[in-house]
Amino acid sequence: MLRTTSPQAALPPEEQPRERLLRHGPGVLTDAELLAVLLRTGTPGCNALELGRALLTRFGGLRGLFAAPRHELRKIPGLGDVKTGQLQAILELARREIGETLQRDDVMDHPEAVRRYCATTLAHREVECCLALYLDTRNRLIAGEMLSEGTLAQATLYPRELVRAALRHHAAAVILAHNHPSGNPDPSQADEQLTRHVRSALLLVDVRLLDHLIVAGRQITSMAERGLV
């Protein structure tokens, strides 16, 4: 249960999150305080600040919170459809902001942004899904597109479908990503085999495969860094 006994009014007015935000700006607020500003209200016996702290503890931090599926968020007392929607809207805005960076600059100069983009798209998925990032000749993002969605353990990706999509987007390079709902970030033999097949298929149309990322909760593995691409 996410319930405590200290009321929001117990904080001096100048120390309440919204007032601190207005006085000092968002940079001085903790993660829990920023969540409190967003949530605005808590539940009986659990104010917005305490609810923010409890959510961070429950989901292991901001990434876990924003990656949580909607039905898990809806189990939390005080998180109705409106607040759950607000949290999901923040995640989508963050994903789009990262996408703007990748559209403007060479993705190879922003490897962490690529990882965040893939994580915000895939980390919350409960079944295995494949995502492709299509890049132009300057390695800038043209589009991110979900290719397939499968079972808990497997999603089916056909290299010819990826090649067709790369040609449709006039891509010069591709970054592939998929999630492991099991939480294991290590590439399987099937992942390695698929990567080889995809790389070979793309080379036939003069498109490079730059990386294949595996998203497993908070962990992300780059197969390129492991010499597997």
Protein backbone atom coordinates (compact mmCIF):
# COMPACT_ATOMS: atom_id res chain seq x y z
CA MET A 1 0.00 0.00 0.00
CA LEU A 2 1.29 3.47 -0.88
CA ARG A 3 0.00 5.21 2.27
CA THR A 4 1.64 7.29 4.98
CA THR A 5 0.37 9.57 7.68
CA SER A 6 2.10 12.94 7.20
CA PRO A 7 -0.02 15.47 5.26
CA GLN A 8 1.25 17.79 2.54
CA ALA A 9 0.29 20.72 4.75
CA ALA A 10 2.98 19.63 7.23
CA LEU A 11 5.56 21.19 4.89
CA PRO A 12 6.07 24.96 5.24
CA PRO A 13 4.54 26.66 2.19
CA GLU A 14 7.93 27.76 0.90
CA GLU A 15 9.15 24.16 0.98
CA GLN A 16 6.27 22.66 -0.96
CA PRO A 17 7.34 21.41 -4.42
CA ARG A 18 5.30 23.82 -6.51
CA GLU A 19 6.48 26.83 -4.54
CA ARG A 20 10.10 25.66 -4.73
CA LEU A 21 9.69 25.24 -8.48
CA LEU A 22 8.38 28.79 -8.87
CA ARG A 23 11.08 30.26 -6.63
CA HIS A 24 14.14 28.35 -7.77
CA GLY A 25 13.33 26.56 -11.03
CA PRO A 26 12.99 22.83 -11.75
CA GLY A 27 16.71 22.08 -11.44
CA VAL A 28 16.69 22.21 -7.65
CA LEU A 29 13.79 19.79 -7.24
CA THR A 30 14.28 16.11 -6.51
CA ASP A 31 12.70 13.47 -8.76
CA ALA A 32 9.97 12.95 -6.17
CA GLU A 33 9.26 16.70 -6.00
CA LEU A 34 8.99 16.97 -9.77
CA LEU A 35 6.55 14.06 -9.76
CA ALA A 36 4.57 15.78 -7.01
CA VAL A 37 4.23 18.90 -9.17
CA LEU A 38 2.97 16.74 -12.02
CA LEU A 39 0.61 14.61 -9.92
CA ARG A 40 -0.70 17.64 -7.98
CA THR A 41 -2.64 15.52 -5.49
CA GLY A 42 -2.14 12.26 -3.66
CA THR A 43 -4.56 10.06 -1.78
CA PRO A 44 -5.99 10.24 1.73
CA GLY A 45 -3.02 9.80 4.05
CA CYS A 46 -0.49 10.02 1.20
CA ASN A 47 0.23 13.45 -0.27
CA ALA A 48 1.59 14.06 -3.75
CA LEU A 49 5.22 14.24 -2.59
CA GLU A 50 4.95 10.99 -0.67
CA LEU A 51 3.17 9.38 -3.61
CA GLY A 52 6.05 10.47 -5.86
CA ARG A 53 8.61 8.95 -3.48
CA ALA A 54 6.63 5.74 -3.19
CA LEU A 55 6.34 5.41 -6.97
CA LEU A 56 10.09 5.82 -7.42
CA THR A 57 10.71 3.15 -4.78
CA ARG A 58 8.09 0.79 -6.20
CA PHE A 59 9.42 0.96 -9.78
CA GLY A 60 13.11 1.47 -9.02
CA GLY A 61 13.48 5.05 -10.28
CA LEU A 62 12.27 7.21 -13.13
CA ARG A 63 13.15 4.81 -15.93
CA GLY A 64 11.28 1.97 -14.27
CA LEU A 65 8.31 4.22 -13.55
CA PHE A 66 7.99 5.56 -17.08
CA ALA A 67 8.60 2.10 -18.55
CA ALA A 68 5.84 0.54 -16.43
CA PRO A 69 2.86 -0.72 -18.46
CA ARG A 70 -0.43 1.08 -18.01
CA HIS A 71 -2.12 -1.79 -16.17
CA GLU A 72 0.67 -1.80 -13.56
CA LEU A 73 0.33 1.95 -13.00
CA ARG A 74 -3.44 1.61 -12.66
CA LYS A 75 -2.93 -0.74 -9.69
CA ILE A 76 -1.44 2.11 -7.65
CA PRO A 77 -3.92 3.90 -5.39
CA GLY A 78 -4.14 7.51 -6.52
CA LEU A 79 -3.15 6.83 -10.14
CA GLY A 80 -6.34 6.98 -12.16
CA ASP A 81 -6.65 7.30 -15.91
CA VAL A 82 -5.74 10.99 -15.90
CA LYS A 83 -2.50 10.70 -13.92
CA THR A 84 -1.49 7.51 -15.70
CA GLY A 85 -2.05 9.31 -18.98
CA GLN A 86 0.07 12.23 -17.79
CA LEU A 87 2.99 9.93 -16.96
CA GLN A 88 2.72 8.24 -20.35
CA ALA A 89 2.54 11.63 -22.08
CA ILE A 90 5.82 12.63 -20.44
CA LEU A 91 7.46 9.46 -21.72
CA GLU A 92 6.22 10.14 -25.25
CA LEU A 93 7.41 13.75 -25.12
CA ALA A 94 10.83 12.57 -23.94
CA ARG A 95 10.99 10.04 -26.79
CA ARG A 96 10.08 12.70 -29.33
CA GLU A 97 12.65 15.15 -27.92
CA ILE A 98 15.36 12.50 -28.25
CA GLY A 99 14.13 11.78 -31.77
CA GLU A 100 14.57 15.46 -32.70
CA THR A 101 18.22 15.28 -31.61
CA LEU A 102 18.78 12.15 -33.68
CA GLN A 103 17.11 13.73 -36.70
CA ARG A 104 19.37 16.76 -36.45
CA ASP A 105 22.75 15.16 -35.66
CA ASP A 106 24.83 12.11 -36.54
CA VAL A 107 23.51 9.32 -34.31
CA MET A 108 27.05 7.99 -33.90
CA ASP A 109 27.84 11.17 -31.96
CA HIS A 110 24.96 10.47 -29.57
CA PRO A 111 25.07 6.75 -28.66
CA GLU A 112 23.38 7.36 -25.31
CA ALA A 113 20.52 9.20 -27.01
CA VAL A 114 20.05 6.22 -29.34
CA ARG A 115 19.87 3.93 -26.32
CA ARG A 116 17.37 6.18 -24.56
CA TYR A 117 15.21 6.36 -27.67
CA CYS A 118 15.13 2.57 -27.93
CA ALA A 119 14.55 2.17 -24.20
CA THR A 120 11.60 4.57 -24.14
CA THR A 121 10.09 2.66 -27.05
CA LEU A 122 10.77 -0.91 -25.95
CA ALA A 123 11.51 -1.21 -22.22
CA HIS A 124 7.86 -1.26 -21.15
CA ARG A 125 6.78 -3.88 -23.71
CA GLU A 126 5.68 -7.17 -22.19
CA VAL A 127 6.25 -9.19 -25.35
CA GLU A 128 9.28 -9.20 -27.61
CA CYS A 129 9.19 -6.44 -30.23
CA CYS A 130 11.61 -5.33 -32.94
CA LEU A 131 12.33 -1.68 -33.72
CA ALA A 132 14.29 -0.30 -36.68
CA LEU A 133 15.87 3.14 -36.88
CA TYR A 134 16.38 4.25 -40.50
CA LEU A 135 19.24 6.67 -41.09
CA ASP A 136 20.26 8.88 -43.99
CA THR A 137 23.73 9.20 -45.53
CA ARG A 138 24.81 11.45 -42.65
CA ASN A 139 23.55 8.95 -40.07
CA ARG A 140 20.64 11.18 -39.09
CA LEU A 141 17.35 9.58 -38.09
CA ILE A 142 14.76 9.43 -40.85
CA ALA A 143 12.21 7.37 -38.92
CA GLY A 144 11.80 4.82 -36.18
CA GLU A 145 9.41 2.00 -37.00
CA MET A 146 8.18 -1.06 -35.11
CA LEU A 147 8.73 -4.08 -37.31
CA SER A 148 7.18 -6.91 -35.38
CA GLU A 149 5.53 -7.88 -32.11
CA GLY A 150 5.51 -11.43 -30.86
CA THR A 151 5.21 -13.62 -27.80
CA LEU A 152 6.89 -13.21 -24.44
CA ALA A 153 9.99 -14.99 -25.73
CA GLN A 154 10.08 -14.31 -29.46
CA ALA A 155 9.15 -11.88 -32.18
CA THR A 156 9.42 -12.86 -35.82
CA LEU A 157 11.45 -10.57 -38.06
CA TYR A 158 11.90 -11.31 -41.75
CA PRO A 159 15.03 -9.68 -43.22
CA ARG A 160 13.24 -9.09 -46.53
CA GLU A 161 10.64 -6.95 -44.73
CA LEU A 162 13.40 -4.86 -43.17
CA VAL A 163 15.08 -4.44 -46.57
CA ARG A 164 11.78 -3.38 -48.13
CA ALA A 165 11.23 -0.82 -45.36
CA ALA A 166 14.80 0.51 -45.64
CA LEU A 167 14.31 1.08 -49.37
CA ARG A 168 10.95 2.75 -48.76
CA HIS A 169 12.61 5.20 -46.36
CA HIS A 170 15.62 5.68 -48.70
CA ALA A 171 17.85 4.70 -45.79
CA ALA A 172 21.62 4.44 -46.03
CA ALA A 173 21.97 2.68 -42.69
CA VAL A 174 19.86 0.91 -40.06
CA ILE A 175 20.04 0.36 -36.32
CA LEU A 176 18.01 -2.61 -35.15
CA ALA A 177 16.72 -2.99 -31.58
CA HIS A 178 14.55 -5.48 -29.74
CA ASN A 179 13.60 -6.12 -26.15
CA HIS A 180 14.06 -9.14 -23.90
CA PRO A 181 11.02 -9.25 -21.58
CA SER A 182 12.89 -11.86 -19.51
CA GLY A 183 15.30 -9.15 -18.35
CA ASN A 184 18.39 -10.96 -19.66
CA PRO A 185 20.44 -8.44 -21.70
CA ASP A 186 22.72 -11.03 -23.33
CA PRO A 187 22.20 -11.82 -27.04
CA SER A 188 21.02 -15.34 -27.74
CA GLN A 189 22.30 -17.54 -30.55
CA ALA A 190 19.10 -16.69 -32.40
CA ASP A 191 19.86 -12.97 -31.97
CA GLU A 192 23.34 -13.46 -33.40
CA GLN A 193 22.03 -15.48 -36.32
CA LEU A 194 19.34 -12.93 -37.09
CA THR A 195 21.91 -10.12 -36.99
CA ARG A 196 24.09 -11.91 -39.54
CA HIS A 197 21.13 -12.53 -41.84
CA VAL A 198 19.91 -8.93 -41.57
CA ARG A 199 23.38 -7.52 -42.20
CA SER A 200 23.83 -9.68 -45.29
CA ALA A 201 20.38 -8.83 -46.63
CA LEU A 202 20.93 -5.10 -46.18
CA LEU A 203 24.36 -5.20 -47.83
CA LEU A 204 22.72 -6.53 -50.99
CA VAL A 205 20.97 -3.16 -51.35
CA ASP A 206 23.96 -1.13 -50.11
CA VAL A 207 22.50 -0.37 -46.67
CA ARG A 208 24.69 -0.73 -43.58
CA LEU A 209 23.62 -2.29 -40.30
CA LEU A 210 25.30 -0.12 -37.67
CA ASP A 211 24.16 -1.89 -34.52
CA HIS A 212 21.68 -4.27 -32.97
CA LEU A 213 20.62 -3.23 -29.47
CA ILE A 214 18.99 -5.46 -26.88
CA VAL A 215 16.80 -3.69 -24.34
CA ALA A 216 16.26 -5.65 -21.13
CA GLY A 217 14.64 -3.45 -18.51
CA ARG A 218 17.26 -0.92 -17.43
CA GLN A 219 20.06 -2.73 -19.25
CA ILE A 220 20.93 -2.25 -22.90
CA THR A 221 23.45 -4.37 -24.80
CA SER A 222 25.12 -3.22 -28.01
CA MET A 223 25.97 -6.16 -30.25
CA ALA A 224 28.31 -3.88 -32.23
CA GLU A 225 30.32 -3.23 -29.07
CA ARG A 226 30.60 -6.99 -28.62
CA GLY A 227 31.86 -7.41 -32.17
CA LEU A 228 28.71 -9.23 -33.29
CA VAL A 229 27.67 -6.82 -36.06
